[in-house]
Protein backbone atom coordinates (compact mmCIF):
# COMPACT_ATOMS: atom_id res chain seq x y z
CA MET A 1 -27.71 40.47 -75.79
CA ALA A 2 -26.24 37.66 -74.46
CA ALA A 3 -28.42 34.93 -74.93
CA ASP A 4 -28.27 36.09 -79.30
CA PHE A 5 -24.46 35.71 -78.70
CA LEU A 6 -24.51 32.50 -77.72
CA GLU A 7 -26.94 31.19 -80.16
CA GLN A 8 -24.51 32.66 -83.01
CA VAL A 9 -21.67 30.69 -81.14
CA ARG A 10 -23.87 27.36 -81.30
CA GLU A 11 -24.44 28.03 -84.54
CA ALA A 12 -21.10 28.94 -85.75
CA ALA A 13 -19.76 25.49 -83.88
CA ARG A 14 -22.13 23.13 -85.78
CA ALA A 15 -20.37 24.21 -89.04
CA HIS A 16 -17.07 22.64 -87.50
CA SER A 17 -17.30 18.86 -87.27
CA TRP A 18 -13.82 18.92 -84.78
CA ILE A 19 -16.05 20.73 -82.61
CA THR A 20 -17.53 17.73 -80.46
CA GLN A 21 -19.33 19.71 -77.89
CA VAL A 22 -20.77 23.20 -76.77
CA GLU A 23 -21.31 24.36 -73.32
CA THR A 24 -22.71 27.70 -72.53
CA HIS A 25 -23.02 29.59 -69.69
CA ARG A 26 -24.65 32.89 -68.66
CA GLU A 27 -24.50 35.23 -65.74
CA GLY A 28 -26.19 38.54 -66.01
CA ARG A 29 -24.41 40.43 -68.55
CA VAL A 30 -21.77 38.16 -69.16
CA ALA A 31 -21.83 35.02 -71.64
CA ARG A 32 -19.35 32.32 -71.64
CA ALA A 33 -18.90 29.28 -73.82
CA ARG A 34 -16.69 26.34 -73.99
CA LEU A 35 -16.28 24.62 -77.28
CA ARG A 36 -14.56 20.94 -76.79
CA MET A 37 -12.72 19.30 -79.59
CA LYS A 38 -11.74 15.54 -79.99
CA GLN A 39 -8.17 15.93 -78.87
CA SER A 40 -7.38 17.46 -75.50
CA ALA A 41 -7.75 20.90 -76.86
CA PHE A 42 -10.98 23.52 -76.56
CA ILE A 43 -12.01 27.04 -77.40
CA ASP A 44 -12.98 29.71 -74.70
CA VAL A 45 -15.55 32.49 -75.78
CA TYR A 46 -16.16 35.36 -73.48
CA TYR A 47 -18.61 38.09 -73.94
CA ASN A 48 -19.32 41.11 -71.80
CA MET A 49 -22.50 42.93 -73.00
CA GLU A 50 -21.69 45.84 -70.40
CA THR A 51 -18.29 46.43 -71.69
CA GLY A 52 -18.60 45.04 -75.23
CA SER A 53 -15.26 42.95 -74.82
CA ILE A 54 -15.33 39.48 -76.81
CA SER A 55 -12.40 37.15 -76.44
CA PHE A 56 -11.86 33.91 -78.19
CA ALA A 57 -9.24 31.72 -76.93
CA TYR A 58 -7.86 28.28 -78.47
CA ILE A 59 -6.50 26.36 -75.33
CA GLU A 60 -4.29 23.26 -76.03
CA ARG A 61 -2.64 21.54 -72.91
CA GLY A 62 -3.60 24.20 -70.36
CA LYS A 63 -2.03 26.98 -72.63
CA ARG A 64 -3.59 29.50 -74.83
CA ARG A 65 -1.99 28.55 -78.44
CA PHE A 66 -4.40 31.30 -80.46
CA GLY A 67 -6.63 33.86 -79.67
CA ALA A 68 -8.21 37.12 -80.46
CA ASN A 69 -9.96 39.78 -78.58
CA ASN A 70 -10.90 43.65 -78.28
CA MET A 71 -9.89 43.97 -74.82
CA LYS A 72 -7.43 46.91 -73.81
CA ILE A 73 -6.03 47.94 -76.81
CA GLY A 74 -8.73 47.24 -79.78
CA TRP A 75 -9.31 44.02 -81.93
CA HIS A 76 -6.19 42.00 -81.97
CA ILE A 77 -4.60 38.37 -82.68
CA HIS A 78 -2.94 36.46 -80.75
CA PRO A 79 -0.84 34.48 -83.23
CA PHE A 80 -0.16 30.71 -83.08
CA ASP A 81 2.28 29.70 -80.78
CA GLU A 82 3.25 33.47 -80.27
CA PRO A 83 0.23 34.22 -77.86
CA GLY A 84 1.84 36.77 -76.39
CA GLU A 85 2.08 38.97 -79.40
CA HIS A 86 -0.50 41.48 -80.02
CA ARG A 87 -1.15 41.77 -84.00
CA PRO A 88 -3.82 44.58 -85.00
CA SER A 89 -6.80 43.22 -86.55
CA PRO A 90 -9.99 43.76 -87.55
CA PRO A 91 -12.90 43.12 -85.69
CA LEU A 92 -13.62 39.15 -85.93
CA THR A 93 -16.84 37.13 -85.49
CA ILE A 94 -16.95 33.79 -83.95
CA GLU A 95 -17.62 32.43 -87.30
CA GLU A 96 -14.41 34.09 -88.58
CA PHE A 97 -12.71 33.14 -85.55
CA LEU A 98 -13.52 29.40 -86.22
CA GLU A 99 -12.05 29.74 -89.92
CA LEU A 100 -8.99 31.24 -88.73
CA LEU A 101 -8.54 28.56 -86.33
CA ALA A 102 -9.50 25.77 -88.79
CA GLN A 103 -6.72 27.09 -91.04
CA GLU A 104 -4.12 27.12 -88.39
CA LEU A 105 -4.74 23.53 -86.90
CA ALA A 106 -5.27 22.12 -90.60
CA GLN A 107 -1.80 23.55 -91.48
CA ARG A 108 -0.41 21.67 -88.14
CA GLY A 109 -2.29 18.41 -89.31
CA LYS A 110 -4.34 18.83 -85.87
CA ILE A 111 -7.76 18.54 -87.68
């Protein structure tokens, strides 16, 4: 259910102090969230209950820098700074995605 998915997103975001605000929106079977960060970056989260599509994207200066989703070709990651690539991945939860992102951001001195 979309409401349950959004609650998982909120709960996962609370575990990361670098996420400063969570905005959620639900329309029918689609749930969206935007997790705002201290710098001019955010994470977009998308879930379509009908298709099962899930997408996580880290956006910095208006461009996707890192992401993961299960659209079209199954679960895959768009690597940091090479977001056009598709690297196969096991399914990811929002918690797992945020942990991967935290590692990437920490390596780059962004958190």
